[in-house]
PDB file of N, CA and C in Angstrom:
ATOM      1  N   MET A   1     -99.208-105.479  -7.719  1.00  0.00           N
ATOM      2  CA  MET A   1    -100.182-105.738  -8.698  1.00  0.00           C
ATOM      3  C   MET A   1     -99.778-105.088 -10.025  1.00  0.00           C
ATOM      4  N   THR A   2     -99.932-105.759 -11.117  1.00  0.00           N
ATOM      5  CA  THR A   2     -99.543-105.225 -12.392  1.00  0.00           C
ATOM      6  C   THR A   2    -100.749-105.043 -13.326  1.00  0.00           C
ATOM      7  N   ASN A   3    -100.630-104.166 -14.281  1.00  0.00           N
ATOM      8  CA  ASN A   3    -101.711-103.917 -15.222  1.00  0.00           C
ATOM      9  C   ASN A   3    -101.664-104.814 -16.446  1.00  0.00           C
ATOM     10  N   GLN A   4    -100.711-105.734 -16.489  1.00  0.00           N
ATOM     11  CA  GLN A   4    -100.545-106.615 -17.628  1.00  0.00           C
ATOM     12  C   GLN A   4    -100.698-108.055 -17.227  1.00  0.00           C
ATOM     13  N   ASN A   5    -101.246-108.880 -18.170  1.00  0.00           N
ATOM     14  CA  ASN A   5    -101.377-110.262 -17.909  1.00  0.00           C
ATOM     15  C   ASN A   5    -100.043-110.934 -18.353  1.00  0.00           C
ATOM     16  N   THR A   6     -99.989-112.251 -18.278  1.00  0.00           N
ATOM     17  CA  THR A   6     -98.765-112.967 -18.580  1.00  0.00           C
ATOM     18  C   THR A   6     -98.385-112.888 -20.069  1.00  0.00           C
ATOM     19  N   ALA A   7     -99.336-112.530 -20.916  1.00  0.00           N
ATOM     20  CA  ALA A   7     -99.054-112.376 -22.333  1.00  0.00           C
ATOM     21  C   ALA A   7     -98.577-110.959 -22.669  1.00  0.00           C
ATOM     22  N   GLY A   8     -98.426-110.073 -21.652  1.00  0.00           N
ATOM     23  CA  GLY A   8     -97.950-108.752 -21.883  1.00  0.00           C
ATOM     24  C   GLY A   8     -99.061-107.807 -22.367  1.00  0.00           C
ATOM     25  N   GLN A   9    -100.322-108.241 -22.303  1.00  0.00           N
ATOM     26  CA  GLN A   9    -101.440-107.365 -22.675  1.00  0.00           C
ATOM     27  C   GLN A   9    -102.030-106.722 -21.411  1.00  0.00           C
ATOM     28  N   GLN A  10    -102.587-105.559 -21.611  1.00  0.00           N
ATOM     29  CA  GLN A  10    -103.188-104.860 -20.459  1.00  0.00           C
ATOM     30  C   GLN A  10    -104.412-105.591 -19.971  1.00  0.00           C
ATOM     31  N   ARG A  11    -104.546-105.681 -18.675  1.00  0.00           N
ATOM     32  CA  ARG A  11    -105.687-106.368 -18.035  1.00  0.00           C
ATOM     33  C   ARG A  11    -106.993-105.574 -18.267  1.00  0.00           C
ATOM     34  N   ASP A  12    -108.064-106.264 -18.332  1.00  0.00           N
ATOM     35  CA  ASP A  12    -109.384-105.604 -18.595  1.00  0.00           C
ATOM     36  C   ASP A  12    -109.734-104.813 -17.337  1.00  0.00           C
ATOM     37  N   ASN A  13    -110.365-103.643 -17.606  1.00  0.00           N
ATOM     38  CA  ASN A  13    -110.799-102.713 -16.558  1.00  0.00           C
ATOM     39  C   ASN A  13    -109.658-102.222 -15.661  1.00  0.00           C
ATOM     40  N   SER A  14    -108.531-101.957 -16.310  1.00  0.00           N
ATOM     41  CA  SER A  14    -107.409-101.376 -15.586  1.00  0.00           C
ATOM     42  C   SER A  14    -106.636-100.467 -16.508  1.00  0.00           C
ATOM     43  N   GLY A  15    -105.705 -99.745 -16.002  1.00  0.00           N
ATOM     44  CA  GLY A  15    -104.962 -98.770 -16.809  1.00  0.00           C
ATOM     45  C   GLY A  15    -103.812 -98.181 -16.019  1.00  0.00           C
ATOM     46  N   ALA A  16    -103.153 -97.232 -16.626  1.00  0.00           N
ATOM     47  CA  ALA A  16    -101.994 -96.534 -15.996  1.00  0.00           C
ATOM     48  C   ALA A  16    -101.867 -95.119 -16.513  1.00  0.00           C
ATOM     49  N   LEU A  17    -101.448 -94.215 -15.687  1.00  0.00           N
ATOM     50  CA  LEU A  17    -101.154 -92.832 -16.072  1.00  0.00           C
ATOM     51  C   LEU A  17     -99.693 -92.605 -15.861  1.00  0.00           C
ATOM     52  N   PHE A  18     -99.089 -91.816 -16.726  1.00  0.00           N
ATOM     53  CA  PHE A  18     -97.673 -91.454 -16.681  1.00  0.00           C
ATOM     54  C   PHE A  18     -97.531 -89.944 -16.868  1.00  0.00           C
ATOM     55  N   LEU A  19     -96.489 -89.414 -16.256  1.00  0.00           N
ATOM     56  CA  LEU A  19     -96.162 -88.029 -16.405  1.00  0.00           C
ATOM     57  C   LEU A  19     -95.936 -87.692 -17.870  1.00  0.00           C
ATOM     58  N   ASN A  20     -96.567 -86.697 -18.425  1.00  0.00           N
ATOM     59  CA  ASN A  20     -96.465 -86.342 -19.808  1.00  0.00           C
ATOM     60  C   ASN A  20     -95.160 -85.538 -20.012  1.00  0.00           C
ATOM     61  N   SER A  21     -94.089 -86.226 -20.395  1.00  0.00           N
ATOM     62  CA  SER A  21     -92.799 -85.593 -20.604  1.00  0.00           C
ATOM     63  C   SER A  21     -92.747 -84.808 -21.901  1.00  0.00           C
ATOM     64  N   ARG A  22     -93.736 -84.932 -22.775  1.00  0.00           N
ATOM     65  CA  ARG A  22     -93.733 -84.165 -24.072  1.00  0.00           C
ATOM     66  C   ARG A  22     -94.699 -82.977 -24.010  1.00  0.00           C
ATOM     67  N   ARG A  23     -95.090 -82.571 -22.829  1.00  0.00           N
ATOM     68  CA  ARG A  23     -96.004 -81.415 -22.634  1.00  0.00           C
ATOM     69  C   ARG A  23     -95.377 -80.157 -23.168  1.00  0.00           C
ATOM     70  N   LYS A  24     -95.996 -79.492 -24.143  1.00  0.00           N
ATOM     71  CA  LYS A  24     -95.467 -78.313 -24.726  1.00  0.00           C
ATOM     72  C   LYS A  24     -96.300 -77.067 -24.492  1.00  0.00           C
ATOM     73  N   SER A  25     -97.457 -77.180 -23.873  1.00  0.00           N
ATOM     74  CA  SER A  25     -98.317 -76.020 -23.618  1.00  0.00           C
ATOM     75  C   SER A  25     -99.070 -76.227 -22.325  1.00  0.00           C
ATOM     76  N   ASP A  26     -99.628 -75.153 -21.754  1.00  0.00           N
ATOM     77  CA  ASP A  26    -100.395 -75.264 -20.554  1.00  0.00           C
ATOM     78  C   ASP A  26    -101.709 -76.083 -20.769  1.00  0.00           C
ATOM     79  N   LYS A  27    -102.138 -76.170 -21.961  1.00  0.00           N
ATOM     80  CA  LYS A  27    -103.423 -76.878 -22.262  1.00  0.00           C
ATOM     81  C   LYS A  27    -103.169 -78.386 -22.448  1.00  0.00           C
ATOM     82  N   ALA A  28    -101.913 -78.801 -22.635  1.00  0.00           N
ATOM     83  CA  ALA A  28    -101.615 -80.245 -22.761  1.00  0.00           C
ATOM     84  C   ALA A  28    -101.825 -80.925 -21.436  1.00  0.00           C
ATOM     85  N   PRO A  29    -102.204 -82.190 -21.454  1.00  0.00           N
ATOM     86  CA  PRO A  29    -102.411 -82.885 -20.183  1.00  0.00           C
ATOM     87  C   PRO A  29    -101.119 -83.097 -19.355  1.00  0.00           C
ATOM     88  N   ASP A  30    -101.251 -83.076 -18.058  1.00  0.00           N
ATOM     89  CA  ASP A  30    -100.077 -83.301 -17.191  1.00  0.00           C
ATOM     90  C   ASP A  30     -99.702 -84.778 -17.180  1.00  0.00           C
ATOM     91  N   TYR A  31    -100.710 -85.657 -17.330  1.00  0.00           N
ATOM     92  CA  TYR A  31    -100.495 -87.124 -17.305  1.00  0.00           C
ATOM     93  C   TYR A  31    -101.251 -87.691 -18.515  1.00  0.00           C
ATOM     94  N   VAL A  32    -100.692 -88.760 -19.053  1.00  0.00           N
ATOM     95  CA  VAL A  32    -101.310 -89.473 -20.159  1.00  0.00           C
ATOM     96  C   VAL A  32    -101.182 -90.982 -19.909  1.00  0.00           C
ATOM     97  N   GLY A  33    -102.081 -91.753 -20.471  1.00  0.00           N
ATOM     98  CA  GLY A  33    -101.973 -93.207 -20.291  1.00  0.00           C
ATOM     99  C   GLY A  33    -103.044 -93.935 -21.093  1.00  0.00           C
ATOM    100  N   THR A  34    -103.160 -95.226 -20.773  1.00  0.00           N
ATOM    101  CA  THR A  34    -104.102 -96.088 -21.436  1.00  0.00           C
ATOM    102  C   THR A  34    -104.944 -96.906 -20.430  1.00  0.00           C
ATOM    103  N   LEU A  35    -106.113 -97.244 -20.895  1.00  0.00           N
ATOM    104  CA  LEU A  35    -107.033 -98.106 -20.118  1.00  0.00           C
ATOM    105  C   LEU A  35    -107.568 -99.248 -21.040  1.00  0.00           C
ATOM    106  N   MET A  36    -107.975-100.302 -20.420  1.00  0.00           N
ATOM    107  CA  MET A  36    -108.671-101.348 -21.180  1.00  0.00           C
ATOM    108  C   MET A  36    -109.986-101.480 -20.391  1.00  0.00           C
ATOM    109  N   VAL A  37    -111.114-101.106 -21.111  1.00  0.00           N
ATOM    110  CA  VAL A  37    -112.433-101.181 -20.503  1.00  0.00           C
ATOM    111  C   VAL A  37    -113.291-102.129 -21.308  1.00  0.00           C
ATOM    112  N   ASN A  38    -113.671-103.192 -20.625  1.00  0.00           N
ATOM    113  CA  ASN A  38    -114.512-104.227 -21.295  1.00  0.00           C
ATOM    114  C   ASN A  38    -113.943-104.648 -22.641  1.00  0.00           C
ATOM    115  N   GLY A  39    -112.614-104.815 -22.677  1.00  0.00           N
ATOM    116  CA  GLY A  39    -111.961-105.274 -23.902  1.00  0.00           C
ATOM    117  C   GLY A  39    -111.687-104.189 -24.927  1.00  0.00           C
ATOM    118  N   HIS A  40    -112.044-102.958 -24.647  1.00  0.00           N
ATOM    119  CA  HIS A  40    -111.836-101.830 -25.582  1.00  0.00           C
ATOM    120  C   HIS A  40    -110.640-100.947 -25.081  1.00  0.00           C
ATOM    121  N   PRO A  41    -109.644-100.797 -25.935  1.00  0.00           N
ATOM    122  CA  PRO A  41    -108.538 -99.883 -25.567  1.00  0.00           C
ATOM    123  C   PRO A  41    -108.997 -98.450 -25.510  1.00  0.00           C
ATOM    124  N   MET A  42    -108.631 -97.723 -24.427  1.00  0.00           N
ATOM    125  CA  MET A  42    -109.028 -96.355 -24.265  1.00  0.00           C
ATOM    126  C   MET A  42    -107.765 -95.495 -23.921  1.00  0.00           C
ATOM    127  N   GLU A  43    -107.883 -94.218 -24.141  1.00  0.00           N
ATOM    128  CA  GLU A  43    -106.845 -93.310 -23.741  1.00  0.00           C
ATOM    129  C   GLU A  43    -107.322 -92.517 -22.541  1.00  0.00           C
ATOM    130  N   ILE A  44    -106.478 -92.164 -21.603  1.00  0.00           N
ATOM    131  CA  ILE A  44    -106.819 -91.345 -20.516  1.00  0.00           C
ATOM    132  C   ILE A  44    -105.807 -90.219 -20.412  1.00  0.00           C
ATOM    133  N   CYS A  45    -106.337 -88.996 -20.156  1.00  0.00           N
ATOM    134  CA  CYS A  45    -105.474 -87.844 -19.958  1.00  0.00           C
ATOM    135  C   CYS A  45    -105.949 -87.158 -18.690  1.00  0.00           C
ATOM    136  N   ALA A  46    -104.990 -86.576 -17.950  1.00  0.00           N
ATOM    137  CA  ALA A  46    -105.342 -85.891 -16.688  1.00  0.00           C
ATOM    138  C   ALA A  46    -104.615 -84.555 -16.552  1.00  0.00           C
ATOM    139  N   TRP A  47    -105.326 -83.595 -16.044  1.00  0.00           N
ATOM    140  CA  TRP A  47    -104.769 -82.254 -15.819  1.00  0.00           C
ATOM    141  C   TRP A  47    -104.847 -81.992 -14.304  1.00  0.00           C
ATOM    142  N   VAL A  48    -103.805 -81.486 -13.670  1.00  0.00           N
ATOM    143  CA  VAL A  48    -103.865 -81.094 -12.298  1.00  0.00           C
ATOM    144  C   VAL A  48    -104.493 -79.741 -12.221  1.00  0.00           C
ATOM    145  N   ARG A  49    -105.541 -79.585 -11.459  1.00  0.00           N
ATOM    146  CA  ARG A  49    -106.329 -78.357 -11.322  1.00  0.00           C
ATOM    147  C   ARG A  49    -106.326 -77.929  -9.850  1.00  0.00           C
ATOM    148  N   GLN A  50    -106.461 -76.643  -9.666  1.00  0.00           N
ATOM    149  CA  GLN A  50    -106.614 -76.105  -8.324  1.00  0.00           C
ATOM    150  C   GLN A  50    -108.025 -75.869  -7.979  1.00  0.00           C
ATOM    151  N   GLY A  51    -108.585 -76.550  -6.986  1.00  0.00           N
ATOM    152  CA  GLY A  51    -109.895 -76.366  -6.550  1.00  0.00           C
ATOM    153  C   GLY A  51    -109.958 -75.332  -5.436  1.00  0.00           C
ATOM    154  N   LYS A  52    -111.146 -75.145  -4.880  1.00  0.00           N
ATOM    155  CA  LYS A  52    -111.327 -74.151  -3.836  1.00  0.00           C
ATOM    156  C   LYS A  52    -110.493 -74.492  -2.626  1.00  0.00           C
ATOM    157  N   TYR A  53    -110.427 -75.815  -2.239  1.00  0.00           N
ATOM    158  CA  TYR A  53    -109.728 -76.251  -1.017  1.00  0.00           C
ATOM    159  C   TYR A  53    -108.470 -77.029  -1.321  1.00  0.00           C
ATOM    160  N   SER A  54    -108.323 -77.652  -2.505  1.00  0.00           N
ATOM    161  CA  SER A  54    -107.146 -78.476  -2.744  1.00  0.00           C
ATOM    162  C   SER A  54    -107.009 -78.699  -4.254  1.00  0.00           C
ATOM    163  N   GLU A  55    -105.920 -79.302  -4.617  1.00  0.00           N
ATOM    164  CA  GLU A  55    -105.696 -79.705  -6.010  1.00  0.00           C
ATOM    165  C   GLU A  55    -106.481 -80.976  -6.279  1.00  0.00           C
ATOM    166  N   PHE A  56    -106.836 -81.194  -7.582  1.00  0.00           N
ATOM    167  CA  PHE A  56    -107.536 -82.398  -7.969  1.00  0.00           C
ATOM    168  C   PHE A  56    -107.113 -82.716  -9.409  1.00  0.00           C
ATOM    169  N   LEU A  57    -107.479 -83.902  -9.893  1.00  0.00           N
ATOM    170  CA  LEU A  57    -107.232 -84.314 -11.288  1.00  0.00           C
ATOM    171  C   LEU A  57    -108.533 -84.195 -12.078  1.00  0.00           C
ATOM    172  N   SER A  58    -108.468 -83.519 -13.182  1.00  0.00           N
ATOM    173  CA  SER A  58    -109.531 -83.466 -14.199  1.00  0.00           C
ATOM    174  C   SER A  58    -109.161 -84.483 -15.190  1.00  0.00           C
ATOM    175  N   ILE A  59    -110.093 -85.380 -15.533  1.00  0.00           N
ATOM    176  CA  ILE A  59    -109.717 -86.533 -16.387  1.00  0.00           C
ATOM    177  C   ILE A  59    -110.608 -86.550 -17.616  1.00  0.00           C
ATOM    178  N   LYS A  60    -110.004 -86.944 -18.765  1.00  0.00           N
ATOM    179  CA  LYS A  60    -110.711 -87.144 -20.009  1.00  0.00           C
ATOM    180  C   LYS A  60    -110.386 -88.538 -20.488  1.00  0.00           C
ATOM    181  N   VAL A  61    -111.387 -89.321 -20.839  1.00  0.00           N
ATOM    182  CA  VAL A  61    -111.223 -90.688 -21.381  1.00  0.00           C
ATOM    183  C   VAL A  61    -111.878 -90.754 -22.799  1.00  0.00           C
ATOM    184  N   GLN A  62    -111.141 -91.309 -23.684  1.00  0.00           N
ATOM    185  CA  GLN A  62    -111.703 -91.445 -25.045  1.00  0.00           C
ATOM    186  C   GLN A  62    -111.162 -92.779 -25.671  1.00  0.00           C
ATOM    187  N   GLU A  63    -111.897 -93.214 -26.688  1.00  0.00           N
ATOM    188  CA  GLU A  63    -111.453 -94.440 -27.365  1.00  0.00           C
ATOM    189  C   GLU A  63    -110.107 -94.237 -28.062  1.00  0.00           C
ATOM    190  N   SER A  64    -109.241 -95.237 -28.023  1.00  0.00           N
ATOM    191  CA  SER A  64    -107.919 -95.140 -28.659  1.00  0.00           C
ATOM    192  C   SER A  64    -108.073 -95.133 -30.152  1.00  0.00           C
ATOM    193  N   ALA A  65    -107.331 -94.246 -30.808  1.00  0.00           N
ATOM    194  CA  ALA A  65    -107.261 -94.242 -32.270  1.00  0.00           C
ATOM    195  C   ALA A  65    -106.073 -95.106 -32.671  1.00  0.00           C
ATOM    196  N   PRO A  66    -106.127 -95.731 -33.807  1.00  0.00           N
ATOM    197  CA  PRO A  66    -104.962 -96.596 -34.205  1.00  0.00           C
ATOM    198  C   PRO A  66    -103.649 -95.858 -34.278  1.00  0.00           C
ATOM    199  N   THR A  67    -103.662 -94.539 -34.574  1.00  0.00           N
ATOM    200  CA  THR A  67    -102.458 -93.807 -34.710  1.00  0.00           C
ATOM    201  C   THR A  67    -102.320 -92.773 -33.564  1.00  0.00           C
ATOM    202  N   SER A  68    -102.868 -93.109 -32.423  1.00  0.00           N
ATOM    203  CA  SER A  68    -102.823 -92.206 -31.304  1.00  0.00           C
ATOM    204  C   SER A  68    -101.446 -91.844 -30.872  1.00  0.00           C
ATOM    205  N   ARG A  69    -101.190 -90.578 -30.550  1.00  0.00           N
ATOM    206  CA  ARG A  69     -99.872 -90.132 -30.101  1.00  0.00           C
ATOM    207  C   ARG A  69     -99.593 -90.630 -28.731  1.00  0.00           C
ATOM    208  N   HIS A  70    -100.607 -91.021 -27.962  1.00  0.00           N
ATOM    209  CA  HIS A  70    -100.398 -91.505 -26.608  1.00  0.00           C
ATOM    210  C   HIS A  70    -100.076 -92.959 -26.524  1.00  0.00           C
ATOM    211  N   THR A  71    -100.565 -93.730 -27.456  1.00  0.00           N
ATOM    212  CA  THR A  71    -100.366 -95.183 -27.390  1.00  0.00           C
ATOM    213  C   THR A  71     -99.264 -95.714 -28.298  1.00  0.00           C
ATOM    214  N   GLN A  72     -98.875 -94.976 -29.305  1.00  0.00           N
ATOM    215  CA  GLN A  72     -97.808 -95.416 -30.187  1.00  0.00           C
ATOM    216  C   GLN A  72     -96.474 -94.867 -29.726  1.00  0.00           C
ATOM    217  N   PRO A  73     -95.438 -95.691 -29.562  1.00  0.00           N
ATOM    218  CA  PRO A  73     -94.133 -95.155 -29.190  1.00  0.00           C
ATOM    219  C   PRO A  73     -93.550 -94.312 -30.352  1.00  0.00           C
ATOM    220  N   GLN A  74     -92.931 -93.264 -29.974  1.00  0.00           N
ATOM    221  CA  GLN A  74     -92.283 -92.389 -30.921  1.00  0.00           C
ATOM    222  C   GLN A  74     -90.783 -92.497 -30.804  1.00  0.00           C
ATOM    223  N   SER A  75     -90.107 -92.473 -31.952  1.00  0.00           N
ATOM    224  CA  SER A  75     -88.628 -92.517 -31.850  1.00  0.00           C
ATOM    225  C   SER A  75     -88.175 -91.181 -31.249  1.00  0.00           C
ATOM    226  N   GLY A  76     -87.207 -91.271 -30.403  1.00  0.00           N
ATOM    227  CA  GLY A  76     -86.681 -90.091 -29.716  1.00  0.00           C
ATOM    228  C   GLY A  76     -87.482 -89.620 -28.562  1.00  0.00           C
ATOM    229  N   ALA A  77     -88.538 -90.384 -28.147  1.00  0.00           N
ATOM    230  CA  ALA A  77     -89.371 -89.997 -27.018  1.00  0.00           C
ATOM    231  C   ALA A  77     -88.483 -89.974 -25.781  1.00  0.00           C
ATOM    232  N   GLN A  78     -88.641 -88.929 -24.990  1.00  0.00           N
ATOM    233  CA  GLN A  78     -87.838 -88.722 -23.839  1.00  0.00           C
ATOM    234  C   GLN A  78     -88.546 -89.183 -22.539  1.00  0.00           C
ATOM    235  N   ARG A  79     -87.781 -89.762 -21.648  1.00  0.00           N
ATOM    236  CA  ARG A  79     -88.312 -90.055 -20.331  1.00  0.00           C
ATOM    237  C   ARG A  79     -88.321 -88.791 -19.536  1.00  0.00           C
ATOM    238  N   PRO A  80     -89.203 -88.703 -18.530  1.00  0.00           N
ATOM    239  CA  PRO A  80     -89.195 -87.523 -17.647  1.00  0.00           C
ATOM    240  C   PRO A  80     -87.856 -87.390 -16.934  1.00  0.00           C
ATOM    241  N   THR A  81     -87.438 -86.178 -16.704  1.00  0.00           N
ATOM    242  CA  THR A  81     -86.177 -85.941 -16.007  1.00  0.00           C
ATOM    243  C   THR A  81     -86.406 -86.233 -14.524  1.00  0.00           C
ATOM    244  N   PRO A  82     -85.414 -86.459 -13.725  1.00  0.00           N
ATOM    245  CA  PRO A  82     -85.593 -86.675 -12.303  1.00  0.00           C
ATOM    246  C   PRO A  82     -86.314 -85.468 -11.629  1.00  0.00           C
ATOM    247  N   GLU A  83     -86.046 -84.284 -12.137  1.00  0.00           N
ATOM    248  CA  GLU A  83     -86.710 -83.057 -11.586  1.00  0.00           C
ATOM    249  C   GLU A  83     -88.185 -83.093 -11.844  1.00  0.00           C
ATOM    250  N   GLN A  84     -88.570 -83.542 -13.085  1.00  0.00           N
ATOM    251  CA  GLN A  84     -89.998 -83.621 -13.422  1.00  0.00           C
ATOM    252  C   GLN A  84     -90.684 -84.657 -12.575  1.00  0.00           C
ATOM    253  N   VAL A  85     -90.039 -85.780 -12.398  1.00  0.00           N
ATOM    254  CA  VAL A  85     -90.611 -86.831 -11.581  1.00  0.00           C
ATOM    255  C   VAL A  85     -90.783 -86.391 -10.137  1.00  0.00           C
ATOM    256  N   ALA A  86     -89.737 -85.714  -9.584  1.00  0.00           N
ATOM    257  CA  ALA A  86     -89.831 -85.218  -8.233  1.00  0.00           C
ATOM    258  C   ALA A  86     -90.973 -84.232  -8.084  1.00  0.00           C
ATOM    259  N   ALA A  87     -91.119 -83.289  -9.028  1.00  0.00           N
ATOM    260  CA  ALA A  87     -92.156 -82.313  -8.979  1.00  0.00           C
ATOM    261  C   ALA A  87     -93.515 -82.991  -9.007  1.00  0.00           C
ATOM    262  N   ALA A  88     -93.652 -83.997  -9.915  1.00  0.00           N
ATOM    263  CA  ALA A  88     -94.942 -84.660 -10.044  1.00  0.00           C
ATOM    264  C   ALA A  88     -95.289 -85.459  -8.779  1.00  0.00           C
ATOM    265  N   GLU A  89     -94.273 -86.088  -8.162  1.00  0.00           N
ATOM    266  CA  GLU A  89     -94.500 -86.844  -6.915  1.00  0.00           C
ATOM    267  C   GLU A  89     -94.887 -85.881  -5.782  1.00  0.00           C
ATOM    268  N   ALA A  90     -94.219 -84.710  -5.707  1.00  0.00           N
ATOM    269  CA  ALA A  90     -94.587 -83.742  -4.684  1.00  0.00           C
ATOM    270  C   ALA A  90     -96.028 -83.289  -4.899  1.00  0.00           C
ATOM    271  N   GLN A  91     -96.353 -83.024  -6.134  1.00  0.00           N
ATOM    272  CA  GLN A  91     -97.779 -82.564  -6.434  1.00  0.00           C
ATOM    273  C   GLN A  91     -98.756 -83.671  -6.054  1.00  0.00           C
ATOM    274  N   ARG A  92     -98.434 -84.949  -6.372  1.00  0.00           N
ATOM    275  CA  ARG A  92     -99.308 -86.082  -5.990  1.00  0.00           C
ATOM    276  C   ARG A  92     -99.445 -86.119  -4.523  1.00  0.00           C
ATOM    277  N   GLY A  93     -98.375 -85.947  -3.774  1.00  0.00           N
ATOM    278  CA  GLY A  93     -98.407 -85.987  -2.308  1.00  0.00           C
ATOM    279  C   GLY A  93     -99.325 -84.946  -1.765  1.00  0.00           C
ATOM    280  N   ARG A  94     -99.240 -83.703  -2.320  1.00  0.00           N
ATOM    281  CA  ARG A  94    -100.075 -82.595  -1.853  1.00  0.00           C
ATOM    282  C   ARG A  94    -101.548 -82.948  -2.103  1.00  0.00           C
ATOM    283  N   MET A  95    -101.856 -83.527  -3.293  1.00  0.00           N
ATOM    284  CA  MET A  95    -103.214 -83.848  -3.602  1.00  0.00           C
ATOM    285  C   MET A  95    -103.726 -84.946  -2.670  1.00  0.00           C
ATOM    286  N   MET A  96    -102.885 -85.938  -2.401  1.00  0.00           N
ATOM    287  CA  MET A  96    -103.319 -87.045  -1.496  1.00  0.00           C
ATOM    288  C   MET A  96    -103.619 -86.520  -0.083  1.00  0.00           C
ATOM    289  N   ARG A  97    -102.682 -85.613   0.396  1.00  0.00           N
ATOM    290  CA  ARG A  97    -102.952 -85.092   1.763  1.00  0.00           C
ATOM    291  C   ARG A  97    -104.214 -84.225   1.741  1.00  0.00           C
ATOM    292  N   GLY A  98    -104.456 -83.432   0.681  1.00  0.00           N
ATOM    293  CA  GLY A  98    -105.664 -82.650   0.604  1.00  0.00           C
ATOM    294  C   GLY A  98    -106.935 -83.480   0.584  1.00  0.00           C
ATOM    295  N   ALA A  99    -106.827 -84.712   0.021  1.00  0.00           N
ATOM    296  CA  ALA A  99    -107.962 -85.601  -0.040  1.00  0.00           C
ATOM    297  C   ALA A  99    -108.107 -86.398   1.250  1.00  0.00           C
ATOM    298  N   GLY A 100    -107.214 -86.210   2.206  1.00  0.00           N
ATOM    299  CA  GLY A 100    -107.293 -86.954   3.453  1.00  0.00           C
ATOM    300  C   GLY A 100    -106.717 -88.354   3.388  1.00  0.00           C
ATOM    301  N   TRP A 101    -105.791 -88.572   2.433  1.00  0.00           N
ATOM    302  CA  TRP A 101    -105.200 -89.925   2.307  1.00  0.00           C
ATOM    303  C   TRP A 101    -103.814 -89.971   2.832  1.00  0.00           C
ATOM    304  N   GLY A 102    -103.338 -88.982   3.511  1.00  0.00           N
ATOM    305  CA  GLY A 102    -101.940 -89.087   3.943  1.00  0.00           C
ATOM    306  C   GLY A 102    -101.545 -88.119   5.009  1.00  0.00           C
TER     307      GLY A 102
END
């Protein structure tokens, strides 16, 4: 299943999160992405948090700004390294097992 229609636009009431490879501080989100909610573009940010019994995602959703740093490609933007991807996948696996999904 894809989040885009045949015209390359994001499907309504769907979105995607990506590992934040430009994270420069502990307060920056671990994941960033976009949503389309009832035809309105939105930004989504997520932080991995440690709960009493397991890790969870804390999420913030806000309307997209025309010059948003999360939705506009930047020249020189770097893709996550294989190590960053492996660490994020391991973290996701731990969260899924903690939630009883694996």
